[in-house]
């Protein structure tokens, strides 16, 4: 047997909160917005952190052709009085997140809460100074560039989402209490 005692003051509070649908709906919308914003920020931060700085190749690691190209560039710079060129950056192995060679991809991963659909969109925006509009998509899924080169997939958003997915429940658990 369950006994429930509600005094007059408690009944009035219950009526104003539980039976006031607009107020409950507003609180739920605020909780959803807060939780989705936190989720978006967490996935964005995880994706950004997965993109690491590359190291440069050592001269001995370059192929013979690349060594000759580099030596030609060094000789040209010396002739023209310019500083010695740097060795090229390594590229990330296929299947791992891309390396941060220019900083653009890492800095342009953003999230946005859409009020109309009550959802959050997380991912890279179109990168400035890149003629290839699909460069971020090609890095994630693989594909051909506008020059015709094929890029092997180097996913960074999907692994970030999978890594954070276990924390979604924690973010939603006390959403109504926080708002």
C-alpha atoms as a PDB file:
ATOM      1  CA  UNK A   1       0.000   0.000   0.000  1.00  0.00           C
ATOM      2  CA  UNK A   2       1.277   3.475  -0.907  1.00  0.00           C
ATOM      3  CA  UNK A   3       0.333   6.480   1.171  1.00  0.00           C
ATOM      4  CA  UNK A   4       0.784   9.881  -0.350  1.00  0.00           C
ATOM      5  CA  UNK A   5       0.394  13.043   1.677  1.00  0.00           C
ATOM      6  CA  UNK A   6       0.261  16.359  -0.032  1.00  0.00           C
ATOM      7  CA  UNK A   7      -0.508  19.427   2.000  1.00  0.00           C
ATOM      8  CA  UNK A   8      -2.385  22.374   0.495  1.00  0.00           C
ATOM      9  CA  UNK A   9       0.785  24.290  -0.309  1.00  0.00           C
ATOM     10  CA  UNK A  10       2.309  21.239  -2.025  1.00  0.00           C
ATOM     11  CA  UNK A  11      -0.863  20.697  -4.022  1.00  0.00           C
ATOM     12  CA  UNK A  12      -0.809  24.289  -5.275  1.00  0.00           C
ATOM     13  CA  UNK A  13       2.850  23.963  -6.297  1.00  0.00           C
ATOM     14  CA  UNK A  14       2.104  20.686  -8.065  1.00  0.00           C
ATOM     15  CA  UNK A  15      -0.823  22.237  -9.912  1.00  0.00           C
ATOM     16  CA  UNK A  16       1.211  25.236 -11.051  1.00  0.00           C
ATOM     17  CA  UNK A  17       4.114  23.102 -12.235  1.00  0.00           C
ATOM     18  CA  UNK A  18       2.767  19.789 -13.489  1.00  0.00           C
ATOM     19  CA  UNK A  19      -0.470  21.045 -14.934  1.00  0.00           C
ATOM     20  CA  UNK A  20       0.969  24.159 -16.528  1.00  0.00           C
ATOM     21  CA  UNK A  21       1.811  22.626 -19.902  1.00  0.00           C
ATOM     22  CA  UNK A  22       3.440  25.702 -21.460  1.00  0.00           C
ATOM     23  CA  UNK A  23       5.785  25.987 -18.496  1.00  0.00           C
ATOM     24  CA  UNK A  24       6.692  22.286 -18.644  1.00  0.00           C
ATOM     25  CA  UNK A  25       7.159  22.476 -22.419  1.00  0.00           C
ATOM     26  CA  UNK A  26       9.394  25.539 -22.043  1.00  0.00           C
ATOM     27  CA  UNK A  27      11.492  23.793 -19.383  1.00  0.00           C
ATOM     28  CA  UNK A  28      11.820  20.720 -21.595  1.00  0.00           C
ATOM     29  CA  UNK A  29      12.872  22.850 -24.573  1.00  0.00           C
ATOM     30  CA  UNK A  30      15.489  24.618 -22.465  1.00  0.00           C
ATOM     31  CA  UNK A  31      16.793  21.302 -21.133  1.00  0.00           C
ATOM     32  CA  UNK A  32      16.952  19.899 -24.673  1.00  0.00           C
ATOM     33  CA  UNK A  33      18.766  22.990 -25.956  1.00  0.00           C
ATOM     34  CA  UNK A  34      21.286  22.929 -23.100  1.00  0.00           C
ATOM     35  CA  UNK A  35      21.957  19.216 -23.455  1.00  0.00           C
ATOM     36  CA  UNK A  36      22.292  19.349 -27.238  1.00  0.00           C
ATOM     37  CA  UNK A  37      24.659  22.313 -26.964  1.00  0.00           C
ATOM     38  CA  UNK A  38      26.781  20.382 -24.470  1.00  0.00           C
ATOM     39  CA  UNK A  39      26.726  17.329 -26.735  1.00  0.00           C
ATOM     40  CA  UNK A  40      27.746  19.423 -29.745  1.00  0.00           C
ATOM     41  CA  UNK A  41      30.578  21.044 -27.831  1.00  0.00           C
ATOM     42  CA  UNK A  42      31.813  17.684 -26.571  1.00  0.00           C
ATOM     43  CA  UNK A  43      31.839  16.059 -30.032  1.00  0.00           C
ATOM     44  CA  UNK A  44      33.445  19.173 -31.553  1.00  0.00           C
ATOM     45  CA  UNK A  45      36.177  19.225 -28.900  1.00  0.00           C
ATOM     46  CA  UNK A  46      36.806  15.479 -29.289  1.00  0.00           C
ATOM     47  CA  UNK A  47      37.075  15.781 -33.091  1.00  0.00           C
ATOM     48  CA  UNK A  48      39.413  18.758 -32.809  1.00  0.00           C
ATOM     49  CA  UNK A  49      41.606  16.949 -30.294  1.00  0.00           C
ATOM     50  CA  UNK A  50      41.907  13.936 -32.581  1.00  0.00           C
ATOM     51  CA  UNK A  51      43.631  16.063 -35.231  1.00  0.00           C
ATOM     52  CA  UNK A  52      47.279  16.209 -34.191  1.00  0.00           C
ATOM     53  CA  UNK A  53      50.287  18.163 -35.413  1.00  0.00           C
ATOM     54  CA  UNK A  54      52.357  16.297 -37.990  1.00  0.00           C
ATOM     55  CA  UNK A  55      56.060  15.849 -37.839  1.00  0.00           C
ATOM     56  CA  UNK A  56      58.270  16.468 -40.840  1.00  0.00           C
ATOM     57  CA  UNK A  57      59.943  13.719 -42.803  1.00  0.00           C
ATOM     58  CA  UNK A  58      63.597  13.089 -42.121  1.00  0.00           C
ATOM     59  CA  UNK A  59      65.768  13.402 -45.208  1.00  0.00           C
ATOM     60  CA  UNK A  60      66.742   9.728 -44.985  1.00  0.00           C
ATOM     61  CA  UNK A  61      63.050   8.721 -44.935  1.00  0.00           C
ATOM     62  CA  UNK A  62      62.283  10.439 -48.249  1.00  0.00           C
ATOM     63  CA  UNK A  63      62.210   8.457 -51.471  1.00  0.00           C
ATOM     64  CA  UNK A  64      65.061   9.006 -53.898  1.00  0.00           C
ATOM     65  CA  UNK A  65      62.883  11.189 -56.136  1.00  0.00           C
ATOM     66  CA  UNK A  66      61.718  13.284 -53.181  1.00  0.00           C
ATOM     67  CA  UNK A  67      65.321  13.649 -51.987  1.00  0.00           C
ATOM     68  CA  UNK A  68      66.325  14.976 -55.425  1.00  0.00           C
ATOM     69  CA  UNK A  69      63.391  17.410 -55.470  1.00  0.00           C
ATOM     70  CA  UNK A  70      64.306  18.643 -51.994  1.00  0.00           C
ATOM     71  CA  UNK A  71      68.005  19.059 -52.909  1.00  0.00           C
ATOM     72  CA  UNK A  72      66.964  21.019 -56.019  1.00  0.00           C
ATOM     73  CA  UNK A  73      64.790  23.309 -53.858  1.00  0.00           C
ATOM     74  CA  UNK A  74      67.691  23.804 -51.403  1.00  0.00           C
ATOM     75  CA  UNK A  75      70.089  24.721 -54.233  1.00  0.00           C
ATOM     76  CA  UNK A  76      67.547  27.126 -55.758  1.00  0.00           C
ATOM     77  CA  UNK A  77      66.959  28.844 -52.388  1.00  0.00           C
ATOM     78  CA  UNK A  78      70.711  29.187 -51.855  1.00  0.00           C
ATOM     79  CA  UNK A  79      71.169  30.728 -55.336  1.00  0.00           C
ATOM     80  CA  UNK A  80      68.379  33.228 -54.760  1.00  0.00           C
ATOM     81  CA  UNK A  81      69.460  34.092 -51.199  1.00  0.00           C
ATOM     82  CA  UNK A  82      66.309  32.701 -49.604  1.00  0.00           C
ATOM     83  CA  UNK A  83      66.129  30.601 -46.429  1.00  0.00           C
ATOM     84  CA  UNK A  84      66.567  26.863 -46.696  1.00  0.00           C
ATOM     85  CA  UNK A  85      63.206  25.168 -47.380  1.00  0.00           C
ATOM     86  CA  UNK A  86      61.734  22.905 -44.767  1.00  0.00           C
ATOM     87  CA  UNK A  87      61.244  19.202 -45.296  1.00  0.00           C
ATOM     88  CA  UNK A  88      57.655  18.203 -46.128  1.00  0.00           C
ATOM     89  CA  UNK A  89      55.123  17.190 -43.488  1.00  0.00           C
ATOM     90  CA  UNK A  90      54.101  13.591 -43.069  1.00  0.00           C
ATOM     91  CA  UNK A  91      50.562  12.654 -44.016  1.00  0.00           C
ATOM     92  CA  UNK A  92      48.420  10.624 -41.665  1.00  0.00           C
ATOM     93  CA  UNK A  93      47.962   6.952 -42.458  1.00  0.00           C
ATOM     94  CA  UNK A  94      44.585   6.036 -44.008  1.00  0.00           C
ATOM     95  CA  UNK A  95      42.001   5.180 -41.366  1.00  0.00           C
ATOM     96  CA  UNK A  96      43.399   7.627 -38.804  1.00  0.00           C
ATOM     97  CA  UNK A  97      42.404  11.294 -38.332  1.00  0.00           C
ATOM     98  CA  UNK A  98      44.170  13.725 -40.666  1.00  0.00           C
ATOM     99  CA  UNK A  99      47.146  15.699 -39.456  1.00  0.00           C
ATOM    100  CA  UNK A 100      46.811  19.429 -38.801  1.00  0.00           C
ATOM    101  CA  UNK A 101      49.113  20.841 -41.465  1.00  0.00           C
ATOM    102  CA  UNK A 102      47.516  24.279 -41.926  1.00  0.00           C
ATOM    103  CA  UNK A 103      45.246  24.504 -38.867  1.00  0.00           C
ATOM    104  CA  UNK A 104      42.185  25.264 -40.978  1.00  0.00           C
ATOM    105  CA  UNK A 105      40.346  21.974 -40.593  1.00  0.00           C
ATOM    106  CA  UNK A 106      40.854  21.858 -36.837  1.00  0.00           C
ATOM    107  CA  UNK A 107      39.707  25.452 -36.372  1.00  0.00           C
ATOM    108  CA  UNK A 108      36.647  25.142 -38.622  1.00  0.00           C
ATOM    109  CA  UNK A 109      35.001  22.166 -36.903  1.00  0.00           C
ATOM    110  CA  UNK A 110      32.003  23.825 -35.289  1.00  0.00           C
ATOM    111  CA  UNK A 111      28.559  22.980 -33.952  1.00  0.00           C
ATOM    112  CA  UNK A 112      25.227  24.753 -34.262  1.00  0.00           C
ATOM    113  CA  UNK A 113      21.923  24.261 -32.418  1.00  0.00           C
ATOM    114  CA  UNK A 114      19.006  24.506 -34.866  1.00  0.00           C
ATOM    115  CA  UNK A 115      15.907  25.809 -33.069  1.00  0.00           C
ATOM    116  CA  UNK A 116      13.474  24.836 -35.812  1.00  0.00           C
ATOM    117  CA  UNK A 117      14.417  21.150 -35.917  1.00  0.00           C
ATOM    118  CA  UNK A 118      15.534  21.090 -32.251  1.00  0.00           C
ATOM    119  CA  UNK A 119      18.750  19.331 -33.195  1.00  0.00           C
ATOM    120  CA  UNK A 120      22.457  20.017 -33.250  1.00  0.00           C
ATOM    121  CA  UNK A 121      24.677  19.947 -36.340  1.00  0.00           C
ATOM    122  CA  UNK A 122      28.353  19.195 -35.769  1.00  0.00           C
ATOM    123  CA  UNK A 123      31.106  19.191 -38.370  1.00  0.00           C
ATOM    124  CA  UNK A 124      33.482  21.206 -40.493  1.00  0.00           C
ATOM    125  CA  UNK A 125      32.244  24.240 -42.339  1.00  0.00           C
ATOM    126  CA  UNK A 126      33.405  24.959 -45.887  1.00  0.00           C
ATOM    127  CA  UNK A 127      37.062  25.837 -45.622  1.00  0.00           C
ATOM    128  CA  UNK A 128      38.181  29.199 -46.967  1.00  0.00           C
ATOM    129  CA  UNK A 129      40.898  29.344 -49.627  1.00  0.00           C
ATOM    130  CA  UNK A 130      40.108  25.819 -50.842  1.00  0.00           C
ATOM    131  CA  UNK A 131      38.748  25.497 -54.360  1.00  0.00           C
ATOM    132  CA  UNK A 132      37.692  21.908 -53.615  1.00  0.00           C
ATOM    133  CA  UNK A 133      34.331  22.162 -51.844  1.00  0.00           C
ATOM    134  CA  UNK A 134      34.378  18.488 -50.879  1.00  0.00           C
ATOM    135  CA  UNK A 135      37.785  18.391 -49.178  1.00  0.00           C
ATOM    136  CA  UNK A 136      36.330  17.778 -45.672  1.00  0.00           C
ATOM    137  CA  UNK A 137      33.960  15.105 -46.988  1.00  0.00           C
ATOM    138  CA  UNK A 138      36.799  13.471 -48.931  1.00  0.00           C
ATOM    139  CA  UNK A 139      38.966  13.373 -45.813  1.00  0.00           C
ATOM    140  CA  UNK A 140      36.165  11.739 -43.816  1.00  0.00           C
ATOM    141  CA  UNK A 141      34.950   9.221 -46.400  1.00  0.00           C
ATOM    142  CA  UNK A 142      37.655   9.189 -49.100  1.00  0.00           C
ATOM    143  CA  UNK A 143      37.192  10.300 -52.702  1.00  0.00           C
ATOM    144  CA  UNK A 144      38.684  12.183 -55.610  1.00  0.00           C
ATOM    145  CA  UNK A 145      39.980  15.744 -55.409  1.00  0.00           C
ATOM    146  CA  UNK A 146      39.489  18.315 -58.178  1.00  0.00           C
ATOM    147  CA  UNK A 147      43.025  17.518 -59.356  1.00  0.00           C
ATOM    148  CA  UNK A 148      41.967  13.895 -59.823  1.00  0.00           C
ATOM    149  CA  UNK A 149      43.979  12.485 -56.919  1.00  0.00           C
ATOM    150  CA  UNK A 150      42.314   9.877 -54.745  1.00  0.00           C
ATOM    151  CA  UNK A 151      42.269  10.441 -50.990  1.00  0.00           C
ATOM    152  CA  UNK A 152      41.958   7.421 -48.735  1.00  0.00           C
ATOM    153  CA  UNK A 153      39.467   7.960 -45.879  1.00  0.00           C
ATOM    154  CA  UNK A 154      40.856   9.611 -42.762  1.00  0.00           C
ATOM    155  CA  UNK A 155      37.791   9.797 -40.526  1.00  0.00           C
ATOM    156  CA  UNK A 156      37.713  12.291 -37.687  1.00  0.00           C
ATOM    157  CA  UNK A 157      34.023  13.089 -37.058  1.00  0.00           C
ATOM    158  CA  UNK A 158      32.653   9.531 -36.898  1.00  0.00           C
ATOM    159  CA  UNK A 159      35.276   8.324 -34.377  1.00  0.00           C
ATOM    160  CA  UNK A 160      34.665  11.440 -32.270  1.00  0.00           C
ATOM    161  CA  UNK A 161      30.932  10.722 -32.249  1.00  0.00           C
ATOM    162  CA  UNK A 162      31.520   7.057 -31.337  1.00  0.00           C
ATOM    163  CA  UNK A 163      33.902   8.038 -28.548  1.00  0.00           C
ATOM    164  CA  UNK A 164      31.401  10.494 -27.032  1.00  0.00           C
ATOM    165  CA  UNK A 165      28.315   8.319 -27.602  1.00  0.00           C
ATOM    166  CA  UNK A 166      28.774   6.611 -24.230  1.00  0.00           C
ATOM    167  CA  UNK A 167      28.478  10.010 -22.502  1.00  0.00           C
ATOM    168  CA  UNK A 168      25.147  10.936 -24.152  1.00  0.00           C
ATOM    169  CA  UNK A 169      23.156   9.220 -21.429  1.00  0.00           C
ATOM    170  CA  UNK A 170      25.036  11.100 -18.727  1.00  0.00           C
ATOM    171  CA  UNK A 171      24.331  14.412 -20.460  1.00  0.00           C
ATOM    172  CA  UNK A 172      20.607  13.669 -20.716  1.00  0.00           C
ATOM    173  CA  UNK A 173      20.199  12.075 -17.272  1.00  0.00           C
ATOM    174  CA  UNK A 174      19.659  15.172 -15.161  1.00  0.00           C
ATOM    175  CA  UNK A 175      18.751  17.583 -17.945  1.00  0.00           C
ATOM    176  CA  UNK A 176      15.488  18.700 -16.337  1.00  0.00           C
ATOM    177  CA  UNK A 177      17.100  19.279 -12.933  1.00  0.00           C
ATOM    178  CA  UNK A 178      19.699  21.626 -14.407  1.00  0.00           C
ATOM    179  CA  UNK A 179      17.194  23.818 -16.234  1.00  0.00           C
END
